[in-house]
Amino acid sequence: SNPSVAVNFRPAPGTGNTPVSVLALATPVQFLDEQQTGPDGLQWLRFRTQDGIEGWLREGTFVPVA
């Protein structure tokens, strides 16, 4: 998928798993205070969407808001 349009919301850190969802840009998510280094060596952070889906986004695929 084109990263400028949507991001893959993963069930666990790392790109080697099937996304639980594909989030459109500007989808609001809540940070769950959990961060891990994935098998890819990148930082992954855990979020929950407004409809209650929990998953992981790779650092750099989201923009924090105040």
N, C-alpha and C. Protein backbone atom coordinates (compact mmCIF):
# COMPACT_ATOMS: atom_id res chain seq x y z
N SER A 1 0.85 -1.19 0.00
CA SER A 1 0.00 0.00 0.00
C SER A 1 0.88 1.24 0.00
N ASN A 2 0.34 2.32 -0.44
CA ASN A 2 1.07 3.57 -0.53
C ASN A 2 1.11 4.24 0.85
N PRO A 3 2.30 4.40 1.44
CA PRO A 3 2.36 4.95 2.80
C PRO A 3 1.83 6.36 2.92
N SER A 4 1.70 7.07 1.80
CA SER A 4 1.17 8.43 1.89
C SER A 4 -0.35 8.42 2.01
N VAL A 5 -0.98 7.25 1.84
CA VAL A 5 -2.43 7.15 1.87
C VAL A 5 -2.92 6.46 3.14
N ALA A 6 -2.21 5.42 3.57
CA ALA A 6 -2.64 4.65 4.72
C ALA A 6 -1.44 3.96 5.35
N VAL A 7 -1.60 3.53 6.61
CA VAL A 7 -0.54 2.78 7.28
C VAL A 7 -1.09 1.47 7.81
N ASN A 8 -0.25 0.45 7.82
CA ASN A 8 -0.65 -0.84 8.34
C ASN A 8 -0.59 -0.82 9.86
N PHE A 9 -1.68 -1.27 10.48
CA PHE A 9 -1.81 -1.33 11.93
C PHE A 9 -1.60 -2.80 12.30
N ARG A 10 -0.46 -3.10 12.92
CA ARG A 10 -0.03 -4.49 13.10
C ARG A 10 -0.45 -5.07 14.45
N PRO A 11 -0.66 -6.41 14.51
CA PRO A 11 -1.03 -7.05 15.77
C PRO A 11 0.15 -7.20 16.73
N ALA A 12 1.38 -7.07 16.21
CA ALA A 12 2.59 -7.19 17.02
C ALA A 12 3.68 -6.39 16.33
N PRO A 13 4.74 -6.00 17.06
CA PRO A 13 5.82 -5.25 16.42
C PRO A 13 6.45 -6.05 15.28
N GLY A 14 6.77 -5.39 14.18
CA GLY A 14 7.40 -6.06 13.04
C GLY A 14 6.49 -6.09 11.84
N THR A 15 7.11 -6.10 10.67
CA THR A 15 6.30 -6.08 9.44
C THR A 15 5.93 -7.49 8.97
N GLY A 16 6.40 -8.52 9.67
CA GLY A 16 6.16 -9.89 9.21
C GLY A 16 4.87 -10.49 9.72
N ASN A 17 3.86 -9.68 9.93
CA ASN A 17 2.57 -10.23 10.35
C ASN A 17 1.47 -9.48 9.61
N THR A 18 0.31 -10.10 9.53
CA THR A 18 -0.80 -9.50 8.78
C THR A 18 -1.41 -8.37 9.58
N PRO A 19 -1.59 -7.19 8.99
CA PRO A 19 -2.18 -6.07 9.72
C PRO A 19 -3.57 -6.40 10.26
N VAL A 20 -3.89 -5.89 11.45
CA VAL A 20 -5.24 -6.04 11.98
C VAL A 20 -6.17 -5.04 11.30
N SER A 21 -5.58 -3.98 10.75
CA SER A 21 -6.36 -2.94 10.10
C SER A 21 -5.40 -2.11 9.26
N VAL A 22 -5.96 -1.37 8.32
CA VAL A 22 -5.18 -0.38 7.57
C VAL A 22 -5.80 0.97 7.89
N LEU A 23 -5.00 1.84 8.50
CA LEU A 23 -5.54 3.12 8.96
C LEU A 23 -5.32 4.21 7.93
N ALA A 24 -6.39 4.95 7.63
CA ALA A 24 -6.27 6.11 6.76
C ALA A 24 -5.45 7.18 7.46
N LEU A 25 -4.81 8.05 6.69
CA LEU A 25 -4.08 9.15 7.28
C LEU A 25 -5.02 9.96 8.17
N ALA A 26 -4.48 10.48 9.26
CA ALA A 26 -5.22 11.31 10.21
C ALA A 26 -6.24 10.54 11.04
N THR A 27 -6.16 9.20 11.02
CA THR A 27 -7.01 8.41 11.93
C THR A 27 -6.53 8.68 13.36
N PRO A 28 -7.42 9.12 14.25
CA PRO A 28 -6.96 9.36 15.62
C PRO A 28 -6.72 8.05 16.36
N VAL A 29 -5.59 7.96 17.05
CA VAL A 29 -5.28 6.78 17.85
C VAL A 29 -4.74 7.23 19.21
N GLN A 30 -4.95 6.40 20.21
CA GLN A 30 -4.50 6.68 21.57
C GLN A 30 -3.26 5.85 21.86
N PHE A 31 -2.18 6.50 22.30
CA PHE A 31 -0.94 5.79 22.64
C PHE A 31 -1.13 5.04 23.96
N LEU A 32 -0.76 3.76 23.98
CA LEU A 32 -0.98 2.92 25.16
C LEU A 32 0.27 2.78 26.04
N ASP A 33 1.23 3.71 25.89
CA ASP A 33 2.42 3.72 26.75
C ASP A 33 3.23 2.44 26.66
N GLU A 34 3.25 1.85 25.49
CA GLU A 34 4.04 0.64 25.30
C GLU A 34 4.87 0.81 24.04
N GLN A 35 6.16 0.46 24.13
CA GLN A 35 7.07 0.63 23.00
C GLN A 35 8.01 -0.56 22.98
N GLN A 36 8.30 -1.06 21.80
CA GLN A 36 9.20 -2.21 21.66
C GLN A 36 10.05 -2.06 20.41
N THR A 37 11.23 -2.66 20.45
CA THR A 37 12.03 -2.77 19.25
C THR A 37 11.60 -4.05 18.54
N GLY A 38 11.21 -3.91 17.28
CA GLY A 38 10.76 -5.06 16.52
C GLY A 38 11.92 -5.87 15.99
N PRO A 39 11.62 -7.04 15.39
CA PRO A 39 12.65 -7.88 14.79
C PRO A 39 13.39 -7.17 13.66
N ASP A 40 12.76 -6.10 13.13
CA ASP A 40 13.38 -5.30 12.07
C ASP A 40 14.34 -4.25 12.64
N GLY A 41 14.48 -4.20 13.98
CA GLY A 41 15.37 -3.23 14.61
C GLY A 41 14.76 -1.84 14.75
N LEU A 42 13.51 -1.69 14.33
CA LEU A 42 12.84 -0.40 14.41
C LEU A 42 11.98 -0.32 15.66
N GLN A 43 11.67 0.91 16.06
CA GLN A 43 10.82 1.11 17.23
C GLN A 43 9.35 1.02 16.81
N TRP A 44 8.58 0.30 17.63
CA TRP A 44 7.14 0.16 17.41
C TRP A 44 6.41 0.64 18.66
N LEU A 45 5.28 1.31 18.47
CA LEU A 45 4.51 1.82 19.58
C LEU A 45 3.08 1.30 19.48
N ARG A 46 2.49 1.04 20.65
CA ARG A 46 1.17 0.41 20.70
C ARG A 46 0.08 1.48 20.86
N PHE A 47 -0.96 1.33 20.07
CA PHE A 47 -2.06 2.29 20.06
C PHE A 47 -3.41 1.59 20.08
N ARG A 48 -4.44 2.37 20.40
CA ARG A 48 -5.82 1.88 20.30
C ARG A 48 -6.60 2.89 19.46
N THR A 49 -7.40 2.37 18.53
CA THR A 49 -8.23 3.25 17.71
C THR A 49 -9.51 3.61 18.47
N GLN A 50 -10.25 4.56 17.92
CA GLN A 50 -11.50 4.98 18.57
C GLN A 50 -12.52 3.85 18.66
N ASP A 51 -12.45 2.89 17.74
CA ASP A 51 -13.40 1.77 17.82
C ASP A 51 -12.83 0.58 18.59
N GLY A 52 -11.73 0.81 19.33
CA GLY A 52 -11.26 -0.20 20.27
C GLY A 52 -10.28 -1.21 19.74
N ILE A 53 -9.82 -1.06 18.49
CA ILE A 53 -8.83 -1.99 17.95
C ILE A 53 -7.45 -1.60 18.47
N GLU A 54 -6.71 -2.58 19.00
CA GLU A 54 -5.35 -2.30 19.46
C GLU A 54 -4.34 -2.88 18.49
N GLY A 55 -3.25 -2.14 18.31
CA GLY A 55 -2.22 -2.61 17.39
C GLY A 55 -0.98 -1.75 17.51
N TRP A 56 -0.03 -2.02 16.62
CA TRP A 56 1.28 -1.37 16.67
C TRP A 56 1.55 -0.60 15.40
N LEU A 57 2.16 0.59 15.57
CA LEU A 57 2.60 1.40 14.43
C LEU A 57 4.10 1.61 14.54
N ARG A 58 4.76 1.56 13.41
CA ARG A 58 6.20 1.77 13.37
C ARG A 58 6.50 3.26 13.54
N GLU A 59 7.58 3.53 14.27
CA GLU A 59 8.01 4.91 14.44
C GLU A 59 8.16 5.57 13.09
N GLY A 60 7.67 6.80 12.96
CA GLY A 60 7.77 7.50 11.69
C GLY A 60 6.52 7.38 10.83
N THR A 61 5.58 6.53 11.23
CA THR A 61 4.34 6.39 10.45
C THR A 61 3.18 7.13 11.09
N PHE A 62 3.45 7.89 12.15
CA PHE A 62 2.40 8.64 12.82
C PHE A 62 2.96 9.98 13.27
N VAL A 63 2.07 10.93 13.55
CA VAL A 63 2.49 12.24 14.02
C VAL A 63 1.81 12.50 15.36
N PRO A 64 2.59 12.70 16.43
CA PRO A 64 1.97 12.99 17.73
C PRO A 64 1.22 14.33 17.68
N VAL A 65 0.09 14.39 18.36
CA VAL A 65 -0.64 15.65 18.50
C VAL A 65 -0.68 16.02 19.98
N ALA A 66 -0.76 17.31 20.24
CA ALA A 66 -0.72 17.78 21.63
C ALA A 66 -1.96 17.32 22.41
